[in-house]
Amino acid sequence: MGILRRKPSFNLRVLIYQEEDIWIAHCLELDIMTANPKQSVVEKDIFDLIIAQIESAFEHGNLKNIFKPAPPEDWEKLYYASKRCNLKKFKKPDESPFHGVELCFA
């Protein structure tokens, strides 16, 4: 039987919030972050980082590097933010390693 060549798809959550004049995007399942003064830049950058993390893990046969969840206090931020945040679902093109991303703007 051959090796499965198709990459699995993931659904991920990203918390986006502002601290002073800086926007921060944090993908909680992967515990990766980016920051920039422009919200549109952090949205683009977090997707680029997600893709790079997943593709690198597959290329190097190190799938343990895909999921390193954020610490509990960051998940708690998402929990409290989700009560007041504007959710935006974003789907990437078919070549992306994930189905969709929920962006929570807190």
PDB file of N, CA and C in Angstrom:
ATOM      1  N   MET A   1       0.844  -1.172   0.000  1.00  0.00           N
ATOM      2  CA  MET A   1       0.000   0.000   0.000  1.00  0.00           C
ATOM      3  C   MET A   1       0.892   1.239   0.000  1.00  0.00           C
ATOM      4  N   GLY A   2       0.576   2.218  -0.840  1.00  0.00           N
ATOM      5  CA  GLY A   2       1.388   3.424  -0.971  1.00  0.00           C
ATOM      6  C   GLY A   2       1.210   4.386   0.198  1.00  0.00           C
ATOM      7  N   ILE A   3       2.121   5.300   0.271  1.00  0.00           N
ATOM      8  CA  ILE A   3       2.075   6.322   1.310  1.00  0.00           C
ATOM      9  C   ILE A   3       1.060   7.384   0.914  1.00  0.00           C
ATOM     10  N   LEU A   4       0.306   7.830   1.865  1.00  0.00           N
ATOM     11  CA  LEU A   4      -0.670   8.891   1.635  1.00  0.00           C
ATOM     12  C   LEU A   4       0.066  10.165   1.236  1.00  0.00           C
ATOM     13  N   ARG A   5      -0.219  10.685   0.064  1.00  0.00           N
ATOM     14  CA  ARG A   5       0.477  11.858  -0.455  1.00  0.00           C
ATOM     15  C   ARG A   5      -0.293  13.145  -0.222  1.00  0.00           C
ATOM     16  N   ARG A   6      -1.598  13.040  -0.012  1.00  0.00           N
ATOM     17  CA  ARG A   6      -2.405  14.236   0.176  1.00  0.00           C
ATOM     18  C   ARG A   6      -2.269  14.714   1.616  1.00  0.00           C
ATOM     19  N   LYS A   7      -1.992  15.990   1.782  1.00  0.00           N
ATOM     20  CA  LYS A   7      -1.855  16.547   3.125  1.00  0.00           C
ATOM     21  C   LYS A   7      -3.232  16.683   3.761  1.00  0.00           C
ATOM     22  N   PRO A   8      -3.325  16.391   5.054  1.00  0.00           N
ATOM     23  CA  PRO A   8      -4.606  16.594   5.720  1.00  0.00           C
ATOM     24  C   PRO A   8      -4.923  18.088   5.804  1.00  0.00           C
ATOM     25  N   SER A   9      -6.171  18.376   5.998  1.00  0.00           N
ATOM     26  CA  SER A   9      -6.592  19.769   6.126  1.00  0.00           C
ATOM     27  C   SER A   9      -6.886  20.085   7.579  1.00  0.00           C
ATOM     28  N   PHE A  10      -6.660  21.335   7.949  1.00  0.00           N
ATOM     29  CA  PHE A  10      -6.839  21.764   9.323  1.00  0.00           C
ATOM     30  C   PHE A  10      -7.789  22.949   9.388  1.00  0.00           C
ATOM     31  N   ASN A  11      -8.521  23.036  10.464  1.00  0.00           N
ATOM     32  CA  ASN A  11      -9.281  24.231  10.786  1.00  0.00           C
ATOM     33  C   ASN A  11      -8.576  24.871  11.974  1.00  0.00           C
ATOM     34  N   LEU A  12      -8.247  26.134  11.843  1.00  0.00           N
ATOM     35  CA  LEU A  12      -7.452  26.816  12.859  1.00  0.00           C
ATOM     36  C   LEU A  12      -8.163  28.072  13.350  1.00  0.00           C
ATOM     37  N   ARG A  13      -7.828  28.469  14.563  1.00  0.00           N
ATOM     38  CA  ARG A  13      -8.368  29.699  15.144  1.00  0.00           C
ATOM     39  C   ARG A  13      -7.240  30.700  15.369  1.00  0.00           C
ATOM     40  N   VAL A  14      -7.513  31.937  14.976  1.00  0.00           N
ATOM     41  CA  VAL A  14      -6.547  33.023  15.140  1.00  0.00           C
ATOM     42  C   VAL A  14      -7.221  34.135  15.925  1.00  0.00           C
ATOM     43  N   LEU A  15      -6.585  34.542  16.999  1.00  0.00           N
ATOM     44  CA  LEU A  15      -7.047  35.674  17.791  1.00  0.00           C
ATOM     45  C   LEU A  15      -6.285  36.903  17.319  1.00  0.00           C
ATOM     46  N   ILE A  16      -7.024  37.939  16.933  1.00  0.00           N
ATOM     47  CA  ILE A  16      -6.401  39.186  16.484  1.00  0.00           C
ATOM     48  C   ILE A  16      -6.854  40.299  17.416  1.00  0.00           C
ATOM     49  N   TYR A  17      -5.885  40.993  17.962  1.00  0.00           N
ATOM     50  CA  TYR A  17      -6.206  42.057  18.905  1.00  0.00           C
ATOM     51  C   TYR A  17      -5.155  43.158  18.804  1.00  0.00           C
ATOM     52  N   GLN A  18      -5.488  44.281  19.394  1.00  0.00           N
ATOM     53  CA  GLN A  18      -4.585  45.426  19.335  1.00  0.00           C
ATOM     54  C   GLN A  18      -4.074  45.741  20.735  1.00  0.00           C
ATOM     55  N   GLU A  19      -2.772  45.947  20.827  1.00  0.00           N
ATOM     56  CA  GLU A  19      -2.128  46.417  22.055  1.00  0.00           C
ATOM     57  C   GLU A  19      -1.427  47.716  21.704  1.00  0.00           C
ATOM     58  N   GLU A  20      -1.929  48.791  22.268  1.00  0.00           N
ATOM     59  CA  GLU A  20      -1.459  50.125  21.929  1.00  0.00           C
ATOM     60  C   GLU A  20      -1.603  50.329  20.425  1.00  0.00           C
ATOM     61  N   ASP A  21      -0.531  50.580  19.699  1.00  0.00           N
ATOM     62  CA  ASP A  21      -0.631  50.830  18.258  1.00  0.00           C
ATOM     63  C   ASP A  21      -0.247  49.617  17.410  1.00  0.00           C
ATOM     64  N   ILE A  22      -0.142  48.455  18.034  1.00  0.00           N
ATOM     65  CA  ILE A  22       0.309  47.258  17.335  1.00  0.00           C
ATOM     66  C   ILE A  22      -0.818  46.219  17.286  1.00  0.00           C
ATOM     67  N   TRP A  23      -1.046  45.665  16.093  1.00  0.00           N
ATOM     68  CA  TRP A  23      -1.986  44.560  15.921  1.00  0.00           C
ATOM     69  C   TRP A  23      -1.220  43.255  16.086  1.00  0.00           C
ATOM     70  N   ILE A  24      -1.827  42.314  16.784  1.00  0.00           N
ATOM     71  CA  ILE A  24      -1.214  41.014  17.040  1.00  0.00           C
ATOM     72  C   ILE A  24      -2.159  39.936  16.536  1.00  0.00           C
ATOM     73  N   ALA A  25      -1.616  38.967  15.811  1.00  0.00           N
ATOM     74  CA  ALA A  25      -2.375  37.799  15.362  1.00  0.00           C
ATOM     75  C   ALA A  25      -1.706  36.573  15.960  1.00  0.00           C
ATOM     76  N   HIS A  26      -2.511  35.715  16.589  1.00  0.00           N
ATOM     77  CA  HIS A  26      -1.976  34.551  17.287  1.00  0.00           C
ATOM     78  C   HIS A  26      -2.783  33.321  16.881  1.00  0.00           C
ATOM     79  N   CYS A  27      -2.147  32.397  16.167  1.00  0.00           N
ATOM     80  CA  CYS A  27      -2.785  31.127  15.824  1.00  0.00           C
ATOM     81  C   CYS A  27      -2.604  30.200  17.027  1.00  0.00           C
ATOM     82  N   LEU A  28      -3.712  29.876  17.690  1.00  0.00           N
ATOM     83  CA  LEU A  28      -3.619  29.168  18.961  1.00  0.00           C
ATOM     84  C   LEU A  28      -3.245  27.695  18.822  1.00  0.00           C
ATOM     85  N   GLU A  29      -3.679  27.035  17.769  1.00  0.00           N
ATOM     86  CA  GLU A  29      -3.326  25.625  17.609  1.00  0.00           C
ATOM     87  C   GLU A  29      -1.833  25.438  17.359  1.00  0.00           C
ATOM     88  N   LEU A  30      -1.219  26.398  16.710  1.00  0.00           N
ATOM     89  CA  LEU A  30       0.210  26.292  16.377  1.00  0.00           C
ATOM     90  C   LEU A  30       1.090  27.138  17.292  1.00  0.00           C
ATOM     91  N   ASP A  31       0.489  27.989  18.072  1.00  0.00           N
ATOM     92  CA  ASP A  31       1.185  28.929  18.962  1.00  0.00           C
ATOM     93  C   ASP A  31       2.224  29.745  18.198  1.00  0.00           C
ATOM     94  N   ILE A  32       1.781  30.332  17.075  1.00  0.00           N
ATOM     95  CA  ILE A  32       2.642  31.247  16.336  1.00  0.00           C
ATOM     96  C   ILE A  32       1.960  32.600  16.278  1.00  0.00           C
ATOM     97  N   MET A  33       2.785  33.641  16.309  1.00  0.00           N
ATOM     98  CA  MET A  33       2.275  35.005  16.380  1.00  0.00           C
ATOM     99  C   MET A  33       3.009  35.904  15.399  1.00  0.00           C
ATOM    100  N   THR A  34       2.336  36.996  15.066  1.00  0.00           N
ATOM    101  CA  THR A  34       2.962  38.051  14.302  1.00  0.00           C
ATOM    102  C   THR A  34       2.382  39.374  14.789  1.00  0.00           C
ATOM    103  N   ALA A  35       3.121  40.440  14.581  1.00  0.00           N
ATOM    104  CA  ALA A  35       2.676  41.763  15.021  1.00  0.00           C
ATOM    105  C   ALA A  35       3.070  42.801  13.979  1.00  0.00           C
ATOM    106  N   ASN A  36       2.208  43.819  13.847  1.00  0.00           N
ATOM    107  CA  ASN A  36       2.467  44.887  12.896  1.00  0.00           C
ATOM    108  C   ASN A  36       1.527  46.043  13.210  1.00  0.00           C
ATOM    109  N   PRO A  37       1.905  47.267  12.899  1.00  0.00           N
ATOM    110  CA  PRO A  37       0.995  48.398  13.113  1.00  0.00           C
ATOM    111  C   PRO A  37      -0.270  48.337  12.240  1.00  0.00           C
ATOM    112  N   LYS A  38      -0.230  47.557  11.152  1.00  0.00           N
ATOM    113  CA  LYS A  38      -1.386  47.477  10.258  1.00  0.00           C
ATOM    114  C   LYS A  38      -2.100  46.136  10.411  1.00  0.00           C
ATOM    115  N   GLN A  39      -3.407  46.199  10.631  1.00  0.00           N
ATOM    116  CA  GLN A  39      -4.205  44.992  10.795  1.00  0.00           C
ATOM    117  C   GLN A  39      -4.148  44.106   9.552  1.00  0.00           C
ATOM    118  N   SER A  40      -4.235  44.694   8.382  1.00  0.00           N
ATOM    119  CA  SER A  40      -4.219  43.904   7.146  1.00  0.00           C
ATOM    120  C   SER A  40      -2.908  43.130   6.992  1.00  0.00           C
ATOM    121  N   VAL A  41      -1.817  43.700   7.476  1.00  0.00           N
ATOM    122  CA  VAL A  41      -0.518  43.029   7.374  1.00  0.00           C
ATOM    123  C   VAL A  41      -0.470  41.823   8.309  1.00  0.00           C
ATOM    124  N   VAL A  42      -0.976  41.952   9.538  1.00  0.00           N
ATOM    125  CA  VAL A  42      -0.942  40.792  10.442  1.00  0.00           C
ATOM    126  C   VAL A  42      -1.830  39.672   9.926  1.00  0.00           C
ATOM    127  N   GLU A  43      -2.949  40.003   9.287  1.00  0.00           N
ATOM    128  CA  GLU A  43      -3.807  38.962   8.707  1.00  0.00           C
ATOM    129  C   GLU A  43      -3.039  38.185   7.637  1.00  0.00           C
ATOM    130  N   LYS A  44      -2.388  38.894   6.741  1.00  0.00           N
ATOM    131  CA  LYS A  44      -1.616  38.233   5.684  1.00  0.00           C
ATOM    132  C   LYS A  44      -0.439  37.457   6.278  1.00  0.00           C
ATOM    133  N   ASP A  45       0.277  38.083   7.190  1.00  0.00           N
ATOM    134  CA  ASP A  45       1.455  37.446   7.767  1.00  0.00           C
ATOM    135  C   ASP A  45       1.121  36.164   8.525  1.00  0.00           C
ATOM    136  N   ILE A  46      -0.001  36.154   9.261  1.00  0.00           N
ATOM    137  CA  ILE A  46      -0.322  34.946  10.031  1.00  0.00           C
ATOM    138  C   ILE A  46      -0.625  33.786   9.091  1.00  0.00           C
ATOM    139  N   PHE A  47      -1.282  34.065   7.963  1.00  0.00           N
ATOM    140  CA  PHE A  47      -1.533  32.996   7.003  1.00  0.00           C
ATOM    141  C   PHE A  47      -0.230  32.478   6.412  1.00  0.00           C
ATOM    142  N   ASP A  48       0.677  33.373   6.091  1.00  0.00           N
ATOM    143  CA  ASP A  48       1.976  32.959   5.559  1.00  0.00           C
ATOM    144  C   ASP A  48       2.740  32.100   6.568  1.00  0.00           C
ATOM    145  N   LEU A  49       2.689  32.486   7.837  1.00  0.00           N
ATOM    146  CA  LEU A  49       3.368  31.719   8.883  1.00  0.00           C
ATOM    147  C   LEU A  49       2.738  30.343   9.075  1.00  0.00           C
ATOM    148  N   ILE A  50       1.411  30.284   9.031  1.00  0.00           N
ATOM    149  CA  ILE A  50       0.706  29.005   9.178  1.00  0.00           C
ATOM    150  C   ILE A  50       1.121  28.060   8.057  1.00  0.00           C
ATOM    151  N   ILE A  51       1.085  28.560   6.831  1.00  0.00           N
ATOM    152  CA  ILE A  51       1.458  27.734   5.686  1.00  0.00           C
ATOM    153  C   ILE A  51       2.905  27.269   5.806  1.00  0.00           C
ATOM    154  N   ALA A  52       3.794  28.170   6.157  1.00  0.00           N
ATOM    155  CA  ALA A  52       5.211  27.816   6.284  1.00  0.00           C
ATOM    156  C   ALA A  52       5.419  26.748   7.364  1.00  0.00           C
ATOM    157  N   GLN A  53       4.747  26.884   8.492  1.00  0.00           N
ATOM    158  CA  GLN A  53       4.895  25.921   9.593  1.00  0.00           C
ATOM    159  C   GLN A  53       4.434  24.530   9.164  1.00  0.00           C
ATOM    160  N   ILE A  54       3.272  24.461   8.539  1.00  0.00           N
ATOM    161  CA  ILE A  54       2.721  23.169   8.145  1.00  0.00           C
ATOM    162  C   ILE A  54       3.546  22.554   7.020  1.00  0.00           C
ATOM    163  N   GLU A  55       3.874  23.343   6.014  1.00  0.00           N
ATOM    164  CA  GLU A  55       4.657  22.808   4.893  1.00  0.00           C
ATOM    165  C   GLU A  55       6.040  22.343   5.341  1.00  0.00           C
ATOM    166  N   SER A  56       6.675  23.088   6.224  1.00  0.00           N
ATOM    167  CA  SER A  56       7.995  22.701   6.721  1.00  0.00           C
ATOM    168  C   SER A  56       7.920  21.379   7.489  1.00  0.00           C
ATOM    169  N   ALA A  57       6.894  21.213   8.292  1.00  0.00           N
ATOM    170  CA  ALA A  57       6.739  19.971   9.053  1.00  0.00           C
ATOM    171  C   ALA A  57       6.591  18.775   8.119  1.00  0.00           C
ATOM    172  N   PHE A  58       5.808  18.925   7.059  1.00  0.00           N
ATOM    173  CA  PHE A  58       5.645  17.825   6.105  1.00  0.00           C
ATOM    174  C   PHE A  58       6.921  17.568   5.314  1.00  0.00           C
ATOM    175  N   GLU A  59       7.578  18.639   4.871  1.00  0.00           N
ATOM    176  CA  GLU A  59       8.798  18.476   4.076  1.00  0.00           C
ATOM    177  C   GLU A  59       9.904  17.776   4.848  1.00  0.00           C
ATOM    178  N   HIS A  60       9.967  18.026   6.156  1.00  0.00           N
ATOM    179  CA  HIS A  60      11.028  17.448   6.974  1.00  0.00           C
ATOM    180  C   HIS A  60      10.579  16.208   7.743  1.00  0.00           C
ATOM    181  N   GLY A  61       9.363  15.738   7.460  1.00  0.00           N
ATOM    182  CA  GLY A  61       8.866  14.539   8.127  1.00  0.00           C
ATOM    183  C   GLY A  61       8.774  14.683   9.625  1.00  0.00           C
ATOM    184  N   ASN A  62       8.525  15.887  10.087  1.00  0.00           N
ATOM    185  CA  ASN A  62       8.451  16.149  11.521  1.00  0.00           C
ATOM    186  C   ASN A  62       7.072  16.705  11.861  1.00  0.00           C
ATOM    187  N   LEU A  63       6.070  15.837  11.820  1.00  0.00           N
ATOM    188  CA  LEU A  63       4.693  16.273  12.034  1.00  0.00           C
ATOM    189  C   LEU A  63       4.437  16.738  13.464  1.00  0.00           C
ATOM    190  N   LYS A  64       5.327  16.371  14.387  1.00  0.00           N
ATOM    191  CA  LYS A  64       5.167  16.849  15.764  1.00  0.00           C
ATOM    192  C   LYS A  64       5.281  18.363  15.841  1.00  0.00           C
ATOM    193  N   ASN A  65       5.918  18.967  14.838  1.00  0.00           N
ATOM    194  CA  ASN A  65       6.075  20.425  14.841  1.00  0.00           C
ATOM    195  C   ASN A  65       4.836  21.171  14.373  1.00  0.00           C
ATOM    196  N   ILE A  66       3.828  20.470  13.912  1.00  0.00           N
ATOM    197  CA  ILE A  66       2.627  21.181  13.453  1.00  0.00           C
ATOM    198  C   ILE A  66       1.863  21.743  14.637  1.00  0.00           C
ATOM    199  N   PHE A  67       1.483  20.879  15.543  1.00  0.00           N
ATOM    200  CA  PHE A  67       0.627  21.330  16.647  1.00  0.00           C
ATOM    201  C   PHE A  67       1.410  21.463  17.940  1.00  0.00           C
ATOM    202  N   LYS A  68       1.596  22.691  18.330  1.00  0.00           N
ATOM    203  CA  LYS A  68       2.158  23.037  19.634  1.00  0.00           C
ATOM    204  C   LYS A  68       1.221  24.098  20.188  1.00  0.00           C
ATOM    205  N   PRO A  69       0.135  23.670  20.817  1.00  0.00           N
ATOM    206  CA  PRO A  69      -0.893  24.630  21.233  1.00  0.00           C
ATOM    207  C   PRO A  69      -0.365  25.726  22.153  1.00  0.00           C
ATOM    208  N   ALA A  70      -1.026  26.859  22.043  1.00  0.00           N
ATOM    209  CA  ALA A  70      -0.695  28.001  22.899  1.00  0.00           C
ATOM    210  C   ALA A  70      -0.980  27.640  24.356  1.00  0.00           C
ATOM    211  N   PRO A  71      -0.356  28.350  25.276  1.00  0.00           N
ATOM    212  CA  PRO A  71      -0.600  28.107  26.702  1.00  0.00           C
ATOM    213  C   PRO A  71      -2.068  28.361  27.064  1.00  0.00           C
ATOM    214  N   PRO A  72      -2.531  27.746  28.145  1.00  0.00           N
ATOM    215  CA  PRO A  72      -3.936  27.872  28.551  1.00  0.00           C
ATOM    216  C   PRO A  72      -4.425  29.325  28.683  1.00  0.00           C
ATOM    217  N   GLU A  73      -3.567  30.216  29.138  1.00  0.00           N
ATOM    218  CA  GLU A  73      -4.009  31.604  29.320  1.00  0.00           C
ATOM    219  C   GLU A  73      -4.355  32.269  27.978  1.00  0.00           C
ATOM    220  N   ASP A  74      -3.716  31.838  26.888  1.00  0.00           N
ATOM    221  CA  ASP A  74      -4.044  32.383  25.574  1.00  0.00           C
ATOM    222  C   ASP A  74      -5.373  31.827  25.068  1.00  0.00           C
ATOM    223  N   TRP A  75      -5.661  30.555  25.357  1.00  0.00           N
ATOM    224  CA  TRP A  75      -6.970  29.987  25.005  1.00  0.00           C
ATOM    225  C   TRP A  75      -8.066  30.678  25.811  1.00  0.00           C
ATOM    226  N   GLU A  76      -7.735  31.045  27.038  1.00  0.00           N
ATOM    227  CA  GLU A  76      -8.700  31.772  27.869  1.00  0.00           C
ATOM    228  C   GLU A  76      -9.005  33.139  27.258  1.00  0.00           C
ATOM    229  N   LYS A  77      -7.985  33.800  26.698  1.00  0.00           N
ATOM    230  CA  LYS A  77      -8.205  35.074  26.000  1.00  0.00           C
ATOM    231  C   LYS A  77      -9.202  34.886  24.861  1.00  0.00           C
ATOM    232  N   LEU A  78      -9.035  33.789  24.101  1.00  0.00           N
ATOM    233  CA  LEU A  78      -9.961  33.521  22.999  1.00  0.00           C
ATOM    234  C   LEU A  78     -11.367  33.283  23.523  1.00  0.00           C
ATOM    235  N   TYR A  79     -11.480  32.534  24.602  1.00  0.00           N
ATOM    236  CA  TYR A  79     -12.793  32.245  25.177  1.00  0.00           C
ATOM    237  C   TYR A  79     -13.515  33.539  25.531  1.00  0.00           C
ATOM    238  N   TYR A  80     -12.845  34.428  26.253  1.00  0.00           N
ATOM    239  CA  TYR A  80     -13.486  35.683  26.656  1.00  0.00           C
ATOM    240  C   TYR A  80     -13.675  36.622  25.476  1.00  0.00           C
ATOM    241  N   ALA A  81     -12.745  36.619  24.550  1.00  0.00           N
ATOM    242  CA  ALA A  81     -12.861  37.480  23.372  1.00  0.00           C
ATOM    243  C   ALA A  81     -13.993  37.013  22.467  1.00  0.00           C
ATOM    244  N   SER A  82     -14.202  35.694  22.379  1.00  0.00           N
ATOM    245  CA  SER A  82     -15.216  35.169  21.461  1.00  0.00           C
ATOM    246  C   SER A  82     -16.620  35.626  21.837  1.00  0.00           C
ATOM    247  N   LYS A  83     -16.816  36.040  23.072  1.00  0.00           N
ATOM    248  CA  LYS A  83     -18.128  36.546  23.497  1.00  0.00           C
ATOM    249  C   LYS A  83     -18.409  37.917  22.913  1.00  0.00           C
ATOM    250  N   ARG A  84     -17.340  38.626  22.514  1.00  0.00           N
ATOM    251  CA  ARG A  84     -17.529  39.980  22.007  1.00  0.00           C
ATOM    252  C   ARG A  84     -16.841  40.234  20.661  1.00  0.00           C
ATOM    253  N   CYS A  85     -16.166  39.232  20.139  1.00  0.00           N
ATOM    254  CA  CYS A  85     -15.387  39.476  18.928  1.00  0.00           C
ATOM    255  C   CYS A  85     -16.233  39.317  17.671  1.00  0.00           C
ATOM    256  N   ASN A  86     -15.726  39.893  16.624  1.00  0.00           N
ATOM    257  CA  ASN A  86     -16.320  39.728  15.304  1.00  0.00           C
ATOM    258  C   ASN A  86     -15.596  38.576  14.629  1.00  0.00           C
ATOM    259  N   LEU A  87     -16.327  37.483  14.396  1.00  0.00           N
ATOM    260  CA  LEU A  87     -15.717  36.331  13.740  1.00  0.00           C
ATOM    261  C   LEU A  87     -15.744  36.513  12.237  1.00  0.00           C
ATOM    262  N   LYS A  88     -14.677  36.128  11.624  1.00  0.00           N
ATOM    263  CA  LYS A  88     -14.577  36.168  10.175  1.00  0.00           C
ATOM    264  C   LYS A  88     -13.955  34.844   9.754  1.00  0.00           C
ATOM    265  N   LYS A  89     -14.664  34.099   8.940  1.00  0.00           N
ATOM    266  CA  LYS A  89     -14.100  32.837   8.440  1.00  0.00           C
ATOM    267  C   LYS A  89     -13.398  33.121   7.136  1.00  0.00           C
ATOM    268  N   PHE A  90     -12.226  32.580   7.021  1.00  0.00           N
ATOM    269  CA  PHE A  90     -11.403  32.828   5.849  1.00  0.00           C
ATOM    270  C   PHE A  90     -10.982  31.500   5.264  1.00  0.00           C
ATOM    271  N   LYS A  91     -11.217  31.331   3.995  1.00  0.00           N
ATOM    272  CA  LYS A  91     -10.789  30.106   3.319  1.00  0.00           C
ATOM    273  C   LYS A  91      -9.669  30.441   2.359  1.00  0.00           C
ATOM    274  N   LYS A  92      -8.643  29.644   2.397  1.00  0.00           N
ATOM    275  CA  LYS A  92      -7.510  29.816   1.497  1.00  0.00           C
ATOM    276  C   LYS A  92      -7.737  28.988   0.232  1.00  0.00           C
ATOM    277  N   PRO A  93      -6.985  29.235  -0.794  1.00  0.00           N
ATOM    278  CA  PRO A  93      -7.101  28.443  -2.030  1.00  0.00           C
ATOM    279  C   PRO A  93      -6.829  26.961  -1.778  1.00  0.00           C
ATOM    280  N   ASP A  94      -7.217  26.134  -2.719  1.00  0.00           N
ATOM    281  CA  ASP A  94      -7.117  24.676  -2.568  1.00  0.00           C
ATOM    282  C   ASP A  94      -5.715  24.169  -2.258  1.00  0.00           C
ATOM    283  N   GLU A  95      -4.685  24.875  -2.691  1.00  0.00           N
ATOM    284  CA  GLU A  95      -3.329  24.378  -2.444  1.00  0.00           C
ATOM    285  C   GLU A  95      -2.873  24.601  -0.995  1.00  0.00           C
ATOM    286  N   SER A  96      -3.660  25.292  -0.205  1.00  0.00           N
ATOM    287  CA  SER A  96      -3.287  25.549   1.187  1.00  0.00           C
ATOM    288  C   SER A  96      -3.488  24.310   2.047  1.00  0.00           C
ATOM    289  N   PRO A  97      -2.713  24.190   3.098  1.00  0.00           N
ATOM    290  CA  PRO A  97      -2.813  23.013   3.962  1.00  0.00           C
ATOM    291  C   PRO A  97      -3.913  23.112   5.014  1.00  0.00           C
ATOM    292  N   PHE A  98      -4.828  24.054   4.865  1.00  0.00           N
ATOM    293  CA  PHE A  98      -5.924  24.128   5.822  1.00  0.00           C
ATOM    294  C   PHE A  98      -7.213  24.509   5.121  1.00  0.00           C
ATOM    295  N   HIS A  99      -8.331  24.036   5.698  1.00  0.00           N
ATOM    296  CA  HIS A  99      -9.658  24.330   5.142  1.00  0.00           C
ATOM    297  C   HIS A  99     -10.012  25.783   5.359  1.00  0.00           C
ATOM    298  N   GLY A 100      -9.937  26.182   6.571  1.00  0.00           N
ATOM    299  CA  GLY A 100     -10.337  27.537   6.894  1.00  0.00           C
ATOM    300  C   GLY A 100      -9.747  27.989   8.209  1.00  0.00           C
ATOM    301  N   VAL A 101      -9.843  29.258   8.419  1.00  0.00           N
ATOM    302  CA  VAL A 101      -9.329  29.870   9.631  1.00  0.00           C
ATOM    303  C   VAL A 101     -10.407  30.779  10.170  1.00  0.00           C
ATOM    304  N   GLU A 102     -10.678  30.662  11.454  1.00  0.00           N
ATOM    305  CA  GLU A 102     -11.596  31.589  12.095  1.00  0.00           C
ATOM    306  C   GLU A 102     -10.760  32.699  12.710  1.00  0.00           C
ATOM    307  N   LEU A 103     -11.014  33.906  12.276  1.00  0.00           N
ATOM    308  CA  LEU A 103     -10.334  35.063  12.843  1.00  0.00           C
ATOM    309  C   LEU A 103     -11.259  35.696  13.865  1.00  0.00           C
ATOM    310  N   CYS A 104     -10.786  35.840  15.064  1.00  0.00           N
ATOM    311  CA  CYS A 104     -11.550  36.473  16.124  1.00  0.00           C
ATOM    312  C   CYS A 104     -10.921  37.834  16.390  1.00  0.00           C
ATOM    313  N   PHE A 105     -11.626  38.888  16.013  1.00  0.00           N
ATOM    314  CA  PHE A 105     -11.118  40.243  16.240  1.00  0.00           C
ATOM    315  C   PHE A 105     -11.632  40.722  17.579  1.00  0.00           C
ATOM    316  N   ALA A 106     -10.740  40.780  18.543  1.00  0.00           N
ATOM    317  CA  ALA A 106     -11.143  41.164  19.897  1.00  0.00           C
ATOM    318  C   ALA A 106     -10.895  42.646  20.120  1.00  0.00           C
TER     319      ALA A 106
END
